[in-house]
Amino acid sequence: MNAEKSLRAGLVGLGSMGRHHARVLAGLDGVELVGVVDPMGDKNGWAQGAPVLSTVEELLELGVDYAVVACPTALHEEVGLQLAGAGVAALIEKPVADSVEGARKLVEAFESRGLVAGVGHIERCNPALRSLRSRLEAGELGEIFQVVTRRQGPFPHRIADVGVVKDLATHDIDLTGWVTGQTYTSIAAHTIHKSGRPHEDMVSAVGRLSGGAMVSHLVNWLSPLKERFTSVTGERGTFIADTLTADLTFYSNAAVTTEWEALQAFRGVSEGDMIRYAIPKREPLLVEHELFRDAVLGEPADICTLRQGMRTVEVAAAVLESAATGRSMELKAEEFAGHGV
């Protein structure tokens, strides 16, 4: 990082996620948290001493290099467009918008002005998934056959404006594309409503990726068990990532020999060695902020772009449409720069 320049940062939203952004921003090297926007004020003392403002206009008057958008999803489009119009870079919490149209407007607004913008898909900064992605990129698994995710737990009372697909399943949609470097080409889903809310609280989805791999996602707010499970199975075995503990384990396929491997067809599976990797475990939110800060400074940084965030919203919309119509949805296998869906 270029330590000579200190960036002026703002935060929009001081709720359950915003308070964590405020904490990290207040201690981030090379960054000064100059203001926080929340019409409800700071009843809990989460603003880290920064002035608490009522409107985005007031924040812009303070002069900021970038802002983190952590307000309710339904407001992402409006706030993001305000920031883009003022020439301010933005890190927008996931999902980037509550509709495909809103996501496209944000992409156009920031790209047309040449502004740095990203989406807070925090799982990209989970140590287990970062290690998994690098191992897949290195070809350690060979051909990828299947990705399975399970994201289950009790209902979070903080969520009122979206259902489990947009709030939680977007994590799995994004991380699946990101770790594999592939895009979704089809998706089929079922949802149920059991908690008396207007939005779905459980979804089961299956699909296919552009490289031919199958995907399966189970996501709900109805389980007393909290689970964050990702497995990737391929020629050489299976990687399992637990993103609650940030552990990554590899179960090898002993039937795949290393000698003359290039000349042999895949012949089957037998149980081999199990390896649990030792991984440095830094806080994912801090890593996310460091990457975005570096991107704003013009340095190479692997952030989730708005286009990748938009693609995730498109897949989530297809999940909901499939559940509503009972049809499997086909998706265009677009490829964006870098990894991501």
Protein backbone atom coordinates (compact mmCIF):
# COMPACT_ATOMS: atom_id res chain seq x y z
CA MET A 1 0.00 0.00 0.00
CA ASN A 2 1.07 3.56 -0.68
CA ALA A 3 1.35 4.79 2.91
CA GLU A 4 1.98 8.39 1.82
CA LYS A 5 -1.66 8.98 0.94
CA SER A 6 -4.47 8.87 3.49
CA LEU A 7 -7.90 8.23 2.05
CA ARG A 8 -11.02 9.89 3.41
CA ALA A 9 -13.75 7.27 3.80
CA GLY A 10 -17.42 7.45 4.67
CA LEU A 11 -19.96 4.85 5.73
CA VAL A 12 -23.67 4.71 4.87
CA GLY A 13 -25.63 2.58 7.32
CA LEU A 14 -24.85 1.77 10.95
CA GLY A 15 -26.82 -1.42 11.45
CA SER A 16 -25.67 -4.95 12.22
CA MET A 17 -23.17 -4.99 9.33
CA GLY A 18 -22.41 -1.28 9.27
CA ARG A 19 -21.08 -1.33 12.82
CA HIS A 20 -18.43 -3.86 11.80
CA HIS A 21 -17.48 -1.75 8.78
CA ALA A 22 -17.13 1.26 11.12
CA ARG A 23 -14.84 -0.69 13.44
CA VAL A 24 -12.57 -1.85 10.62
CA LEU A 25 -12.51 1.53 8.85
CA ALA A 26 -11.58 3.31 12.08
CA GLY A 27 -8.46 1.18 12.43
CA LEU A 28 -7.52 0.72 8.77
CA ASP A 29 -4.03 1.87 7.81
CA GLY A 30 -4.00 4.75 5.37
CA VAL A 31 -7.71 5.52 5.86
CA GLU A 32 -9.60 8.10 7.90
CA LEU A 33 -13.27 7.50 8.71
CA VAL A 34 -14.66 11.02 8.34
CA GLY A 35 -18.41 10.48 8.62
CA VAL A 36 -21.21 7.96 9.04
CA VAL A 37 -24.72 8.33 7.59
CA ASP A 38 -27.67 6.90 9.49
CA PRO A 39 -31.00 8.70 9.93
CA MET A 40 -31.54 6.72 13.15
CA GLY A 41 -28.38 8.16 14.68
CA ASP A 42 -25.86 6.21 16.73
CA LYS A 43 -27.78 4.88 19.71
CA ASN A 44 -25.22 2.16 20.39
CA GLY A 45 -21.97 4.09 20.01
CA TRP A 46 -20.89 2.18 16.92
CA ALA A 47 -19.61 5.15 14.89
CA GLN A 48 -16.12 4.99 16.42
CA GLY A 49 -16.17 8.71 17.19
CA ALA A 50 -16.91 9.78 13.62
CA PRO A 51 -19.66 12.38 13.11
CA VAL A 52 -23.07 10.82 12.48
CA LEU A 53 -25.01 12.44 9.66
CA SER A 54 -28.58 12.19 8.41
CA THR A 55 -28.05 12.24 4.64
CA VAL A 56 -25.61 11.17 1.95
CA GLU A 57 -25.46 14.82 0.82
CA GLU A 58 -23.97 15.79 4.18
CA LEU A 59 -21.32 13.10 3.80
CA LEU A 60 -20.42 14.30 0.33
CA GLU A 61 -20.03 17.84 1.66
CA LEU A 62 -17.31 16.57 4.01
CA GLY A 63 -15.31 15.37 0.99
CA VAL A 64 -14.70 11.61 0.73
CA ASP A 65 -12.57 9.47 -1.57
CA TYR A 66 -14.82 6.46 -1.14
CA ALA A 67 -17.80 5.24 0.84
CA VAL A 68 -19.00 1.90 2.12
CA VAL A 69 -22.70 1.28 1.51
CA ALA A 70 -24.17 -0.90 4.27
CA CYS A 71 -27.77 0.36 4.33
CA PRO A 72 -30.75 -1.94 3.54
CA THR A 73 -30.52 -3.65 0.14
CA ALA A 74 -33.52 -1.74 -1.22
CA LEU A 75 -31.52 1.52 -0.84
CA HIS A 76 -28.29 0.35 -2.49
CA GLU A 77 -29.26 1.59 -5.94
CA GLU A 78 -30.29 5.07 -4.78
CA VAL A 79 -27.25 5.59 -2.56
CA GLY A 80 -24.84 4.09 -5.09
CA LEU A 81 -26.09 6.38 -7.84
CA GLN A 82 -25.64 9.40 -5.54
CA LEU A 83 -22.05 8.44 -4.88
CA ALA A 84 -21.28 7.75 -8.54
CA GLY A 85 -22.79 11.08 -9.52
CA ALA A 86 -20.46 12.79 -7.08
CA GLY A 87 -17.41 10.93 -8.41
CA VAL A 88 -16.95 8.90 -5.23
CA ALA A 89 -15.74 5.28 -5.29
CA ALA A 90 -17.95 2.79 -3.45
CA LEU A 91 -17.83 -0.57 -1.75
CA ILE A 92 -21.45 -1.77 -1.74
CA GLU A 93 -22.59 -4.56 0.56
CA LYS A 94 -23.98 -7.66 -1.10
CA PRO A 95 -26.24 -8.10 -2.92
CA VAL A 96 -25.24 -5.09 -4.99
CA ALA A 97 -28.92 -4.26 -5.61
CA ASP A 98 -32.33 -5.80 -5.03
CA SER A 99 -33.05 -6.15 -8.76
CA VAL A 100 -31.16 -6.93 -11.95
CA GLU A 101 -32.19 -3.57 -13.38
CA GLY A 102 -30.84 -1.75 -10.31
CA ALA A 103 -27.56 -3.65 -10.52
CA ARG A 104 -27.18 -2.72 -14.21
CA LYS A 105 -27.79 0.95 -13.44
CA LEU A 106 -25.03 0.87 -10.82
CA VAL A 107 -22.60 -0.84 -13.20
CA GLU A 108 -23.26 1.78 -15.86
CA ALA A 109 -23.01 4.69 -13.40
CA PHE A 110 -19.61 3.71 -12.02
CA GLU A 111 -18.06 2.29 -15.20
CA SER A 112 -19.05 5.28 -17.33
CA ARG A 113 -17.21 7.55 -14.91
CA GLY A 114 -14.19 5.29 -14.52
CA LEU A 115 -14.78 4.95 -10.79
CA VAL A 116 -13.55 2.09 -8.61
CA ALA A 117 -16.49 0.15 -7.20
CA GLY A 118 -16.87 -3.26 -5.62
CA VAL A 119 -19.31 -5.53 -3.86
CA GLY A 120 -18.86 -6.82 -0.32
CA HIS A 121 -19.02 -10.53 -1.03
CA ILE A 122 -17.16 -11.30 2.17
CA GLU A 123 -16.74 -15.04 1.52
CA ARG A 124 -14.10 -14.18 -1.10
CA CYS A 125 -11.97 -13.08 1.84
CA ASN A 126 -12.53 -16.19 3.96
CA PRO A 127 -9.13 -17.89 4.47
CA ALA A 128 -10.47 -21.37 3.65
CA LEU A 129 -12.02 -20.25 0.36
CA ARG A 130 -9.01 -18.16 -0.65
CA SER A 131 -6.80 -21.21 -0.13
CA LEU A 132 -9.29 -23.41 -1.99
CA ARG A 133 -9.41 -21.05 -4.95
CA SER A 134 -5.62 -20.90 -5.27
CA ARG A 135 -5.43 -24.69 -5.17
CA LEU A 136 -8.08 -25.05 -7.86
CA GLU A 137 -6.29 -22.47 -9.99
CA ALA A 138 -3.09 -24.53 -9.61
CA GLY A 139 -4.94 -27.58 -10.92
CA GLU A 140 -4.62 -29.61 -7.72
CA LEU A 141 -8.09 -31.14 -8.19
CA GLY A 142 -7.93 -31.69 -11.94
CA GLU A 143 -11.31 -31.47 -13.67
CA ILE A 144 -14.07 -30.16 -11.39
CA PHE A 145 -17.16 -32.38 -11.28
CA GLN A 146 -19.38 -30.82 -8.61
CA VAL A 147 -19.73 -27.94 -6.14
CA VAL A 148 -22.04 -28.39 -3.15
CA THR A 149 -22.85 -25.68 -0.60
CA ARG A 150 -24.99 -25.70 2.54
CA ARG A 151 -25.74 -22.47 4.40
CA GLN A 152 -28.18 -23.06 7.22
CA GLY A 153 -29.07 -21.44 10.51
CA PRO A 154 -31.73 -19.70 12.60
CA PHE A 155 -33.72 -16.75 11.32
CA PRO A 156 -31.77 -13.44 11.60
CA HIS A 157 -34.16 -10.76 12.85
CA ARG A 158 -31.95 -8.07 11.26
CA ILE A 159 -33.27 -9.02 7.79
CA ALA A 160 -36.62 -7.55 6.80
CA ASP A 161 -36.40 -6.48 3.15
CA VAL A 162 -35.30 -9.62 1.27
CA GLY A 163 -35.64 -13.38 1.48
CA VAL A 164 -33.06 -16.08 1.97
CA VAL A 165 -32.15 -16.17 -1.75
CA LYS A 166 -30.96 -12.57 -1.96
CA ASP A 167 -29.54 -12.41 1.56
CA LEU A 168 -27.76 -15.75 1.94
CA ALA A 169 -27.80 -17.68 -1.34
CA THR A 170 -25.98 -14.80 -3.05
CA HIS A 171 -22.95 -15.74 -0.91
CA ASP A 172 -22.94 -19.24 -2.37
CA ILE A 173 -23.67 -18.15 -5.93
CA ASP A 174 -20.75 -15.73 -5.87
CA LEU A 175 -18.24 -17.99 -4.12
CA THR A 176 -19.03 -20.90 -6.45
CA GLY A 177 -18.22 -18.86 -9.54
CA TRP A 178 -15.25 -17.22 -7.87
CA VAL A 179 -13.46 -20.37 -6.67
CA THR A 180 -14.05 -22.28 -9.91
CA GLY A 181 -13.61 -19.44 -12.40
CA GLN A 182 -16.82 -20.61 -14.12
CA THR A 183 -20.24 -19.07 -14.69
CA TYR A 184 -23.73 -20.49 -14.25
CA THR A 185 -25.41 -21.78 -17.42
CA SER A 186 -28.59 -23.18 -15.83
CA ILE A 187 -30.36 -23.23 -12.48
CA ALA A 188 -33.52 -24.87 -11.10
CA ALA A 189 -34.90 -24.25 -7.63
CA HIS A 190 -37.64 -24.80 -5.08
CA THR A 191 -38.46 -22.46 -2.18
CA ILE A 192 -40.76 -22.64 0.82
CA HIS A 193 -42.27 -20.06 3.19
CA LYS A 194 -42.66 -21.22 6.79
CA SER A 195 -41.94 -18.21 9.01
CA GLY A 196 -44.98 -16.13 8.09
CA ARG A 197 -42.96 -13.51 6.22
CA PRO A 198 -43.59 -12.39 2.63
CA HIS A 199 -40.20 -13.70 1.50
CA GLU A 200 -38.91 -17.26 1.14
CA ASP A 201 -36.96 -18.73 4.04
CA MET A 202 -35.62 -21.92 2.43
CA VAL A 203 -34.27 -22.68 -1.03
CA SER A 204 -32.83 -25.76 -2.69
CA ALA A 205 -31.21 -25.22 -6.08
CA VAL A 206 -29.29 -27.31 -8.60
CA GLY A 207 -27.51 -26.11 -11.68
CA ARG A 208 -24.62 -26.37 -14.08
CA LEU A 209 -21.52 -24.28 -14.65
CA SER A 210 -19.85 -23.26 -17.89
CA GLY A 211 -17.08 -25.84 -17.42
CA GLY A 212 -19.61 -28.64 -17.09
CA ALA A 213 -19.59 -29.01 -13.30
CA MET A 214 -22.84 -29.54 -11.40
CA VAL A 215 -23.79 -27.30 -8.49
CA SER A 216 -26.13 -27.81 -5.55
CA HIS A 217 -27.12 -25.19 -2.97
CA LEU A 218 -29.19 -25.66 0.19
CA VAL A 219 -29.88 -22.42 2.05
CA ASN A 220 -32.31 -21.71 4.87
CA TRP A 221 -33.25 -19.70 7.96
CA LEU A 222 -35.13 -22.62 9.49
CA SER A 223 -32.38 -24.72 11.04
CA PRO A 224 -31.20 -24.56 14.67
CA LEU A 225 -27.88 -25.84 13.31
CA LYS A 226 -25.61 -23.15 11.90
CA GLU A 227 -23.68 -24.56 8.96
CA ARG A 228 -21.42 -23.02 6.33
CA PHE A 229 -20.21 -25.85 4.11
CA THR A 230 -18.60 -25.85 0.67
CA SER A 231 -17.29 -28.94 -1.09
CA VAL A 232 -15.66 -29.20 -4.49
CA THR A 233 -15.24 -32.67 -5.99
CA GLY A 234 -13.05 -33.47 -8.97
CA GLU A 235 -10.70 -35.98 -10.52
CA ARG A 236 -8.22 -36.07 -7.67
CA GLY A 237 -10.59 -35.93 -4.72
CA THR A 238 -12.70 -33.52 -2.69
CA PHE A 239 -11.96 -30.23 -0.96
CA ILE A 240 -14.22 -29.31 1.96
CA ALA A 241 -14.23 -25.76 3.32
CA ASP A 242 -15.92 -24.86 6.60
CA THR A 243 -16.21 -21.10 6.45
CA LEU A 244 -17.35 -20.81 10.08
CA THR A 245 -14.00 -22.17 11.30
CA ALA A 246 -12.03 -21.24 8.13
CA ASP A 247 -10.76 -24.84 7.87
CA LEU A 248 -9.92 -26.48 4.54
CA THR A 249 -9.62 -30.26 4.23
CA PHE A 250 -8.68 -32.40 1.24
CA TYR A 251 -9.81 -36.01 0.77
CA SER A 252 -7.70 -37.56 -1.97
CA ASN A 253 -8.84 -40.06 -4.57
CA ALA A 254 -6.25 -42.80 -4.19
CA ALA A 255 -7.29 -44.37 -7.52
CA VAL A 256 -5.77 -41.46 -9.43
CA THR A 257 -2.06 -42.17 -9.77
CA THR A 258 0.50 -39.46 -10.29
CA GLU A 259 2.67 -41.50 -12.68
CA TRP A 260 1.58 -41.52 -16.33
CA GLU A 261 -1.53 -39.63 -15.25
CA ALA A 262 -1.77 -37.64 -18.45
CA LEU A 263 -2.11 -40.85 -20.44
CA GLN A 264 -4.88 -42.39 -18.33
CA ALA A 265 -8.63 -41.88 -18.36
CA PHE A 266 -10.53 -41.34 -15.14
CA ARG A 267 -11.21 -44.85 -13.83
CA GLY A 268 -13.00 -44.45 -10.51
CA VAL A 269 -12.56 -43.54 -6.87
CA SER A 270 -11.06 -45.09 -3.78
CA GLU A 271 -10.41 -43.60 -0.36
CA GLY A 272 -7.04 -41.94 0.02
CA ASP A 273 -5.29 -39.57 2.38
CA MET A 274 -7.04 -36.78 4.29
CA ILE A 275 -5.15 -33.51 4.75
CA ARG A 276 -6.24 -30.54 6.85
CA TYR A 277 -4.30 -27.47 5.80
CA ALA A 278 -2.76 -24.96 8.18
CA ILE A 279 -4.02 -21.58 6.97
CA PRO A 280 -3.30 -18.10 8.35
CA LYS A 281 -6.68 -16.88 9.60
CA ARG A 282 -7.04 -13.12 9.25
CA GLU A 283 -10.41 -11.43 9.70
CA PRO A 284 -12.21 -11.57 6.33
CA LEU A 285 -13.75 -8.09 6.69
CA LEU A 286 -10.32 -6.56 7.31
CA VAL A 287 -8.93 -8.32 4.22
CA GLU A 288 -11.91 -7.05 2.19
CA HIS A 289 -11.25 -3.46 3.29
CA GLU A 290 -7.52 -3.70 2.62
CA LEU A 291 -8.18 -4.94 -0.91
CA PHE A 292 -10.69 -2.19 -1.62
CA ARG A 293 -8.43 0.51 -0.17
CA ASP A 294 -5.63 -0.69 -2.43
CA ALA A 295 -7.96 -0.68 -5.44
CA VAL A 296 -8.95 2.93 -4.72
CA LEU A 297 -5.25 3.79 -4.56
CA GLY A 298 -4.82 2.31 -8.04
CA GLU A 299 -2.94 -0.78 -6.92
CA PRO A 300 -3.71 -4.31 -8.16
CA ALA A 301 -6.39 -5.78 -5.90
CA ASP A 302 -8.66 -8.79 -6.27
CA ILE A 303 -12.01 -7.20 -5.44
CA CYS A 304 -15.49 -8.34 -6.45
CA THR A 305 -16.42 -5.99 -9.28
CA LEU A 306 -19.88 -4.52 -9.80
CA ARG A 307 -20.24 -6.61 -12.95
CA GLN A 308 -19.54 -9.77 -11.01
CA GLY A 309 -21.97 -8.61 -8.34
CA MET A 310 -24.57 -7.97 -11.04
CA ARG A 311 -24.09 -11.49 -12.39
CA THR A 312 -24.81 -12.88 -8.93
CA VAL A 313 -28.04 -10.85 -8.78
CA GLU A 314 -28.99 -12.25 -12.22
CA VAL A 315 -28.48 -15.82 -11.02
CA ALA A 316 -30.44 -15.11 -7.81
CA ALA A 317 -33.29 -13.70 -9.91
CA ALA A 318 -33.24 -16.87 -12.01
CA VAL A 319 -33.42 -18.97 -8.82
CA LEU A 320 -36.56 -17.09 -7.73
CA GLU A 321 -38.11 -17.30 -11.20
CA SER A 322 -37.45 -21.03 -11.37
CA ALA A 323 -39.07 -21.53 -7.97
CA ALA A 324 -42.10 -19.47 -9.04
CA THR A 325 -42.61 -21.14 -12.43
CA GLY A 326 -41.33 -24.67 -11.85
CA ARG A 327 -39.02 -24.35 -14.85
CA SER A 328 -35.25 -24.70 -15.16
CA MET A 329 -33.73 -21.38 -16.16
CA GLU A 330 -31.00 -21.05 -18.77
CA LEU A 331 -28.35 -18.38 -18.25
CA LYS A 332 -25.90 -16.87 -20.67
CA ALA A 333 -22.38 -17.99 -19.72
CA GLU A 334 -20.82 -14.55 -19.67
CA GLU A 335 -17.19 -14.27 -18.69
CA PHE A 336 -15.87 -11.26 -16.87
CA ALA A 337 -12.31 -10.21 -16.18
CA GLY A 338 -10.85 -12.34 -13.43
CA HIS A 339 -12.77 -14.99 -11.57
CA GLY A 340 -16.40 -14.66 -10.62
CA VAL A 341 -19.90 -15.41 -11.73
